[in-house]
Protein backbone atom coordinates (compact mmCIF):
# COMPACT_ATOMS: atom_id res chain seq x y z
CA MET A 1 218.12 102.04 81.56
CA ARG A 2 216.36 104.57 79.34
CA ARG A 3 213.40 102.23 78.97
CA LEU A 4 213.29 101.70 82.73
CA LEU A 5 213.39 105.43 83.45
CA THR A 6 210.78 106.16 80.79
CA GLY A 7 208.42 103.55 82.25
CA ASP A 8 208.93 104.95 85.73
CA ALA A 9 208.29 108.52 84.51
CA VAL A 10 205.06 107.52 82.73
CA SER A 11 203.83 105.62 85.80
CA TYR A 12 204.73 108.50 88.11
CA ASN A 13 203.00 111.07 85.89
CA ARG A 14 199.83 108.99 85.77
CA ARG A 15 199.75 108.52 89.54
CA HIS A 16 200.31 112.20 90.22
CA ARG A 17 198.33 113.52 87.24
CA ARG A 18 201.23 115.51 85.91
CA HIS A 19 202.93 115.95 82.53
CA GLY A 20 206.45 116.52 81.28
CA HIS A 21 209.90 115.21 82.12
CA LEU A 22 210.59 113.45 85.38
CA PHE A 23 214.12 112.50 84.39
CA GLN A 24 215.61 114.41 81.47
CA ASN A 25 218.90 113.23 79.97
CA ARG A 26 219.84 111.62 83.27
CA TYR A 27 221.24 108.35 81.94
CA ILE A 28 224.42 108.37 79.89
CA SER A 29 226.43 105.21 79.30
CA ILE A 30 230.06 105.28 78.22
CA LEU A 31 232.59 102.54 77.57
CA CYS A 32 235.30 102.65 80.21
CA GLN A 33 238.91 101.47 80.10
CA GLU A 34 238.80 99.35 83.24
CA ASP A 35 242.45 99.26 84.29
CA THR A 36 242.87 103.02 84.13
CA TYR A 37 239.50 104.50 84.93
CA LEU A 38 237.15 102.08 86.71
CA LEU A 39 238.12 102.91 90.27
CA GLU A 40 238.39 106.61 89.40
CA LEU A 41 234.82 106.52 88.10
CA VAL A 42 233.49 104.57 91.09
CA ARG A 43 234.98 107.16 93.41
CA TYR A 44 233.88 110.14 91.32
CA ILE A 45 230.28 108.94 90.97
CA HIS A 46 229.88 108.18 94.66
CA LEU A 47 231.27 111.58 95.60
CA ASN A 48 228.52 113.27 93.58
CA LEU A 49 226.42 113.23 96.76
CA LEU A 50 228.94 115.49 98.48
CA ARG A 51 229.43 117.76 95.47
CA ALA A 52 225.67 118.22 95.16
CA ASN A 53 225.33 118.90 98.91
CA ILE A 54 222.85 116.04 99.26
CA ILE A 55 224.88 114.78 102.19
CA LYS A 56 227.47 116.64 104.23
CA THR A 57 230.01 113.94 105.11
CA LEU A 58 231.35 110.73 103.65
CA LYS A 59 230.13 108.84 106.73
CA LYS A 60 226.56 109.89 105.97
CA SER A 61 227.04 108.79 102.37
CA ALA A 62 227.58 105.24 103.62
CA LYS A 63 223.98 105.20 104.87
CA TYR A 64 222.38 106.99 101.93
CA PRO A 65 219.88 104.50 100.40
CA TYR A 66 220.06 105.69 96.79
CA SER A 67 223.79 105.28 96.16
CA GLY A 68 225.97 102.28 95.40
CA HIS A 69 228.44 103.50 98.00
CA SER A 70 226.18 102.35 100.84
CA ALA A 71 226.18 98.81 99.44
CA LEU A 72 229.96 98.80 99.02
CA MET A 73 230.28 99.86 102.65
CA GLY A 74 227.99 97.01 103.72
CA LYS A 75 225.32 99.28 105.21
CA ILE A 76 222.63 98.37 102.69
CA LYS A 77 222.32 95.04 100.89
CA ARG A 78 221.27 94.95 97.25
CA ASP A 79 221.12 91.63 95.43
CA PHE A 80 221.46 93.34 92.05
CA GLN A 81 224.71 95.16 92.91
CA ASP A 82 227.97 93.24 92.55
CA THR A 83 230.03 94.76 95.34
CA ASP A 84 232.63 91.98 95.38
CA TYR A 85 234.01 93.00 91.98
CA VAL A 86 235.04 96.44 93.22
CA LEU A 87 236.03 95.42 96.74
CA ARG A 88 238.38 92.70 95.45
CA MET A 89 240.47 95.49 93.94
CA PHE A 90 241.19 96.74 97.46
CA GLY A 91 241.89 93.45 99.22
CA ASN A 92 240.92 89.82 99.67
CA LYS A 93 239.24 90.28 103.05
CA VAL A 94 235.98 92.23 102.92
CA SER A 95 236.56 94.25 106.10
CA ALA A 96 240.06 95.34 105.07
CA ALA A 97 238.90 96.01 101.51
CA ARG A 98 236.11 98.30 102.74
CA LYS A 99 238.54 100.33 104.83
CA ALA A 100 240.91 100.69 101.89
CA TYR A 101 238.04 101.59 99.58
CA GLU A 102 236.70 104.22 102.00
CA ALA A 103 240.17 105.76 102.32
CA TYR A 104 240.50 105.83 98.53
CA VAL A 105 237.14 107.59 98.13
CA GLU A 106 238.01 110.09 100.87
CA LYS A 107 241.19 111.09 99.05
CA GLY A 108 239.09 112.09 96.06
CA ILE A 109 237.05 114.71 97.94
CA ALA A 110 239.68 117.39 97.46
CA GLN A 111 239.80 116.79 93.69
CA GLY A 112 236.38 118.36 93.13
CA ARG A 113 234.86 118.05 89.67
CA ARG A 114 236.81 116.03 87.09
CA PRO A 115 236.20 117.19 83.48
CA ASP A 116 238.67 114.52 82.37
CA LEU A 117 236.20 111.79 83.36
CA VAL A 118 233.65 112.54 80.66
CA GLY A 119 234.99 110.53 77.69
CA GLY A 120 236.95 111.36 74.58
CA GLY A 121 240.35 109.92 75.44
CA LEU A 122 242.00 110.99 72.22
CA ILE A 123 241.23 114.64 72.87
CA ARG A 124 243.35 114.42 76.00
CA SER A 125 246.07 112.17 74.66
CA ALA A 126 246.54 114.32 71.54
CA GLY A 127 246.99 117.45 73.60
CA GLY A 128 243.63 119.15 73.20
CA TRP A 129 241.34 120.14 70.32
CA SER A 130 243.94 122.31 68.58
CA ALA A 131 246.28 119.33 68.28
CA VAL A 132 243.47 117.09 67.08
CA LYS A 133 242.44 119.62 64.41
CA ALA A 134 246.03 119.93 63.25
CA LEU A 135 246.31 116.17 62.95
CA ARG A 136 243.07 116.04 60.96
CA LYS A 137 244.48 118.56 58.51
CA LEU A 138 247.29 116.11 57.95
CA GLN A 139 244.62 113.43 57.42
CA ASP A 140 245.80 111.41 60.37
CA HIS A 141 243.25 108.80 61.43
CA MET A 142 242.49 110.15 64.87
CA LYS A 143 239.11 109.69 66.50
CA SER A 144 237.68 111.01 69.74
CA ASP A 145 234.40 109.56 70.91
CA GLU A 146 232.63 110.96 73.97
CA ARG A 147 231.11 107.53 74.60
CA ILE A 148 234.55 106.07 75.34
CA LEU A 149 236.64 106.87 78.40
CA GLY A 150 240.23 105.77 78.09
CA ASP A 151 243.63 106.69 76.74
CA GLY A 152 244.29 107.21 73.05
CA ASP A 153 245.31 103.63 72.31
CA PHE A 154 242.21 102.28 74.04
CA VAL A 155 239.87 104.57 72.12
CA LYS A 156 241.47 103.62 68.81
CA ALA A 157 241.34 99.92 69.65
CA VAL A 158 237.64 100.11 70.50
CA LEU A 159 236.81 102.00 67.33
CA ASN A 160 238.86 99.60 65.24
CA GLN A 161 237.12 96.63 66.84
CA ALA A 162 233.79 98.22 66.04
CA LYS A 163 235.10 98.63 62.48
CA GLU A 164 234.19 102.29 62.59
CA GLY A 165 230.58 101.30 61.98
CA PHE A 166 229.30 104.86 62.01
CA GLU A 167 231.58 105.77 59.10
CA GLU A 168 230.33 102.77 57.13
CA HIS A 169 226.76 104.02 57.54
CA TYR A 170 227.70 107.32 55.91
CA ARG A 171 229.72 105.68 53.16
CA LEU A 172 226.88 103.35 52.20
CA GLN A 173 224.36 106.17 52.29
CA ALA A 174 226.61 108.22 50.02
CA GLN A 175 226.60 105.28 47.61
CA GLY A 176 222.82 105.40 47.54
CA TYR A 177 222.09 102.49 49.86
CA ASP A 178 218.69 102.65 51.52
CA LEU A 179 216.14 100.04 52.57
CA GLU A 180 214.95 99.63 48.99
CA LYS A 181 218.47 98.99 47.72
CA VAL A 182 219.12 96.53 50.57
CA THR A 183 215.96 94.68 49.57
CA SER A 184 217.17 94.55 45.97
CA ARG A 185 220.54 93.20 47.09
CA VAL A 186 218.91 90.46 49.20
CA SER A 187 216.62 89.40 46.36
CA SER A 188 219.61 89.33 44.00
CA VAL A 189 221.88 87.13 46.14
CA LEU A 190 219.05 84.71 46.98
CA GLY A 191 217.46 84.69 43.53
CA ILE A 192 213.98 85.66 44.72
CA GLU A 193 211.51 88.49 44.11
CA SER A 194 211.71 91.59 46.29
CA GLU A 195 208.20 90.92 47.59
CA GLN A 196 209.36 87.67 49.18
CA VAL A 197 212.02 89.53 51.16
CA TRP A 198 209.25 91.35 53.01
CA ALA A 199 206.82 88.45 53.09
CA ALA A 200 205.52 87.06 56.37
CA GLY A 201 205.80 83.42 57.31
CA LYS A 202 208.38 80.83 58.27
CA HIS A 203 209.34 79.40 54.90
CA PRO A 204 213.12 78.77 55.10
CA LEU A 205 213.93 81.02 52.14
CA THR A 206 211.69 83.80 53.46
CA VAL A 207 213.32 83.60 56.89
CA LYS A 208 216.75 83.67 55.25
CA ALA A 209 215.84 86.73 53.21
CA ARG A 210 214.33 88.55 56.18
CA SER A 211 217.41 87.77 58.27
CA LEU A 212 219.78 89.22 55.69
CA LEU A 213 217.55 92.28 55.35
CA CYS A 214 217.57 92.84 59.11
CA TYR A 215 221.33 92.32 59.38
CA TRP A 216 222.26 94.74 56.63
CA ALA A 217 219.62 97.32 57.54
CA VAL A 218 220.54 97.42 61.23
CA ARG A 219 224.28 96.77 61.23
CA LYS A 220 225.25 98.44 57.96
CA LEU A 221 222.70 101.21 57.42
CA GLY A 222 222.22 101.97 61.09
CA LEU A 223 218.45 101.54 61.24
CA SER A 224 217.09 100.81 64.70
CA ALA A 225 215.57 97.42 65.41
CA THR A 226 212.45 99.19 66.64
CA GLU A 227 212.05 101.12 63.40
CA LEU A 228 212.56 98.02 61.30
CA SER A 229 210.17 95.95 63.42
CA LYS A 230 207.36 98.39 62.60
CA LYS A 231 208.07 98.15 58.89
CA LEU A 232 208.21 94.34 58.96
CA GLY A 233 205.27 93.92 61.32
CA ILE A 234 207.26 91.82 63.79
CA SER A 235 208.52 92.40 67.32
CA GLN A 236 211.76 94.20 68.13
CA PRO A 237 213.29 91.07 69.74
CA SER A 238 212.48 89.15 66.53
CA VAL A 239 214.43 91.72 64.54
CA SER A 240 217.40 91.38 66.90
CA ILE A 241 217.34 87.59 66.48
CA SER A 242 217.12 88.00 62.71
CA VAL A 243 220.13 90.34 62.75
CA LYS A 244 222.28 87.67 64.41
CA ARG A 245 220.97 85.00 62.07
CA GLY A 246 221.59 87.23 59.07
CA GLU A 247 225.16 87.89 60.16
CA ASN A 248 225.86 84.14 60.21
CA ILE A 249 224.20 83.68 56.82
CA ALA A 250 226.32 86.44 55.30
CA LYS A 251 229.49 84.87 56.70
CA VAL A 252 228.65 81.40 55.42
CA MET A 253 227.66 82.69 51.98
CA LYS A 254 230.62 85.12 51.97
CA ILE A 255 228.47 88.01 50.78
CA GLU A 256 228.53 91.72 51.54
CA LEU A 257 225.90 94.40 51.19
CA ASN A 258 228.09 96.35 48.80
CA SER A 259 227.72 94.36 45.58
CA ARG A 260 231.24 95.30 44.50
CA GLN A 261 232.74 93.41 47.45
């Protein structure tokens, strides 16, 4: 989405001979706990038109061309929008589902703004920041992440599944791991010179080395695929492919970046 908005902004600025932001910080993506929050979010987002006074009534919102609500109400057809997924939550028949959906959205008008729908489930479930800080003093493993919208258990499950990757980045950096040390580790486990790790070409051993380098640099150190692609002189998609290949190689060889593991 950011790439799409950036491209649109650049094109718009060129056409209209202007400079500066067209959209600034307008796209934010968070992970949502579906069972608890999906319908709440659908309703809240589509009521933004009313809260911003762009339209005056919910009926007019159904005809507004730049909102997903109009597609859900069947007034505007968009091939890229999956309306069935949401409507099925309100009924098996489309007409009845739309009526139930519209009634559900209408009930949310009186709620106004919802600060609780911005992410950070553990902040809420722990009883606010004071409770979270108190728990941290006791060294309890509590995490709140503004990119995740859900209850405390959901947030913890997501972070556990992600293996707290952001913490691993810091731990490895504290141990002195950088791109040079990753290169040294790759050359050590494969028994090759460091220069070959960065070499171009499709020799099997070179590809293997480059894949491990990409995997550890991106997944473990937190480097972006774009940044690494510039250093390697290859495309960003090629780095992403190498990351996946490197992950499989590491699993098969049973090796970790940290040489002590």
